[in-house]
C-alpha atoms as a PDB file:
ATOM      1  CA  UNK A   1      97.651  80.516  75.933  1.00  0.00           C
ATOM      2  CA  UNK A   2      96.243  84.461  76.032  1.00  0.00           C
ATOM      3  CA  UNK A   3      98.377  87.037  77.966  1.00  0.00           C
ATOM      4  CA  UNK A   4      97.120  88.159  81.243  1.00  0.00           C
ATOM      5  CA  UNK A   5      96.550  92.075  81.858  1.00  0.00           C
ATOM      6  CA  UNK A   6      99.455  93.606  83.266  1.00  0.00           C
ATOM      7  CA  UNK A   7      98.756  96.230  86.192  1.00  0.00           C
ATOM      8  CA  UNK A   8     100.380  99.399  87.572  1.00  0.00           C
ATOM      9  CA  UNK A   9     101.548  99.464  90.905  1.00  0.00           C
ATOM     10  CA  UNK A  10      99.204 101.970  91.614  1.00  0.00           C
ATOM     11  CA  UNK A  11      96.122  99.695  90.390  1.00  0.00           C
ATOM     12  CA  UNK A  12      97.638  97.095  92.644  1.00  0.00           C
ATOM     13  CA  UNK A  13      98.083  98.984  95.701  1.00  0.00           C
ATOM     14  CA  UNK A  14      94.459 100.515  95.511  1.00  0.00           C
ATOM     15  CA  UNK A  15      93.255  96.584  95.127  1.00  0.00           C
ATOM     16  CA  UNK A  16      95.066  95.092  97.959  1.00  0.00           C
ATOM     17  CA  UNK A  17      94.620  98.558 100.063  1.00  0.00           C
ATOM     18  CA  UNK A  18      98.400  99.396 100.312  1.00  0.00           C
ATOM     19  CA  UNK A  19     100.844 101.928  99.110  1.00  0.00           C
ATOM     20  CA  UNK A  20     102.730 101.591  96.279  1.00  0.00           C
ATOM     21  CA  UNK A  21     105.888 102.316  98.350  1.00  0.00           C
ATOM     22  CA  UNK A  22     104.635  99.068 100.462  1.00  0.00           C
ATOM     23  CA  UNK A  23     104.736  97.279  97.379  1.00  0.00           C
ATOM     24  CA  UNK A  24     108.411  98.569  96.763  1.00  0.00           C
ATOM     25  CA  UNK A  25     109.085  97.484 100.382  1.00  0.00           C
ATOM     26  CA  UNK A  26     107.688  93.721  99.367  1.00  0.00           C
ATOM     27  CA  UNK A  27     109.514  93.502  96.377  1.00  0.00           C
ATOM     28  CA  UNK A  28     112.680  94.804  97.270  1.00  0.00           C
ATOM     29  CA  UNK A  29     112.710  92.624 101.059  1.00  0.00           C
ATOM     30  CA  UNK A  30     111.027  89.764  99.202  1.00  0.00           C
ATOM     31  CA  UNK A  31     108.198  89.930 102.580  1.00  0.00           C
ATOM     32  CA  UNK A  32     105.454  88.431  99.911  1.00  0.00           C
ATOM     33  CA  UNK A  33     105.697  86.146  97.448  1.00  0.00           C
ATOM     34  CA  UNK A  34     103.757  88.562  94.538  1.00  0.00           C
ATOM     35  CA  UNK A  35     105.578  87.862  91.250  1.00  0.00           C
ATOM     36  CA  UNK A  36     106.174  91.056  89.205  1.00  0.00           C
ATOM     37  CA  UNK A  37     107.757  91.796  85.647  1.00  0.00           C
ATOM     38  CA  UNK A  38     110.200  94.643  85.376  1.00  0.00           C
ATOM     39  CA  UNK A  39     111.119  96.250  82.137  1.00  0.00           C
ATOM     40  CA  UNK A  40     113.858  98.879  82.500  1.00  0.00           C
ATOM     41  CA  UNK A  41     112.196 100.619  85.203  1.00  0.00           C
ATOM     42  CA  UNK A  42     108.845  99.621  84.705  1.00  0.00           C
ATOM     43  CA  UNK A  43     107.148  97.344  87.038  1.00  0.00           C
ATOM     44  CA  UNK A  44     103.847  95.647  86.447  1.00  0.00           C
ATOM     45  CA  UNK A  45     102.008  92.839  87.602  1.00  0.00           C
ATOM     46  CA  UNK A  46      99.942  90.264  85.966  1.00  0.00           C
ATOM     47  CA  UNK A  47      96.254  90.453  86.704  1.00  0.00           C
ATOM     48  CA  UNK A  48      96.119  86.548  87.512  1.00  0.00           C
ATOM     49  CA  UNK A  49      98.948  86.506  89.827  1.00  0.00           C
ATOM     50  CA  UNK A  50      97.214  89.659  91.990  1.00  0.00           C
ATOM     51  CA  UNK A  51      94.100  87.573  91.868  1.00  0.00           C
ATOM     52  CA  UNK A  52      96.198  84.251  92.849  1.00  0.00           C
ATOM     53  CA  UNK A  53      97.900  86.161  95.828  1.00  0.00           C
ATOM     54  CA  UNK A  54      94.600  87.595  96.865  1.00  0.00           C
ATOM     55  CA  UNK A  55      92.790  84.026  97.395  1.00  0.00           C
ATOM     56  CA  UNK A  56      96.358  82.546  99.081  1.00  0.00           C
ATOM     57  CA  UNK A  57      96.171  85.270 101.632  1.00  0.00           C
ATOM     58  CA  UNK A  58      92.115  84.920 102.326  1.00  0.00           C
ATOM     59  CA  UNK A  59      91.291  83.534 105.532  1.00  0.00           C
ATOM     60  CA  UNK A  60      88.257  81.563 106.185  1.00  0.00           C
ATOM     61  CA  UNK A  61      86.380  82.552 109.149  1.00  0.00           C
ATOM     62  CA  UNK A  62      84.904  78.912 109.422  1.00  0.00           C
ATOM     63  CA  UNK A  63      88.172  77.325 109.378  1.00  0.00           C
ATOM     64  CA  UNK A  64      89.951  79.808 111.655  1.00  0.00           C
ATOM     65  CA  UNK A  65      87.602  79.253 114.198  1.00  0.00           C
ATOM     66  CA  UNK A  66      87.759  75.508 114.053  1.00  0.00           C
ATOM     67  CA  UNK A  67      91.268  75.321 114.874  1.00  0.00           C
ATOM     68  CA  UNK A  68      91.175  77.944 118.211  1.00  0.00           C
ATOM     69  CA  UNK A  69      89.417  74.957 120.238  1.00  0.00           C
END
């Protein structure tokens, strides 16, 4: 099984349009389920986990409008 690329908090923050501080709050409070790897003081995110997080939090406009009726 090939290893997933590890992203820095800065790279993930840029992808999600949030700050690195926001990511730290999410990790500390468990606000969102975004898995991370911690080695000593370093925090990294697996690229595949970030991709899955984005997919899980993507709203489909046509699905949302069908629930409004």
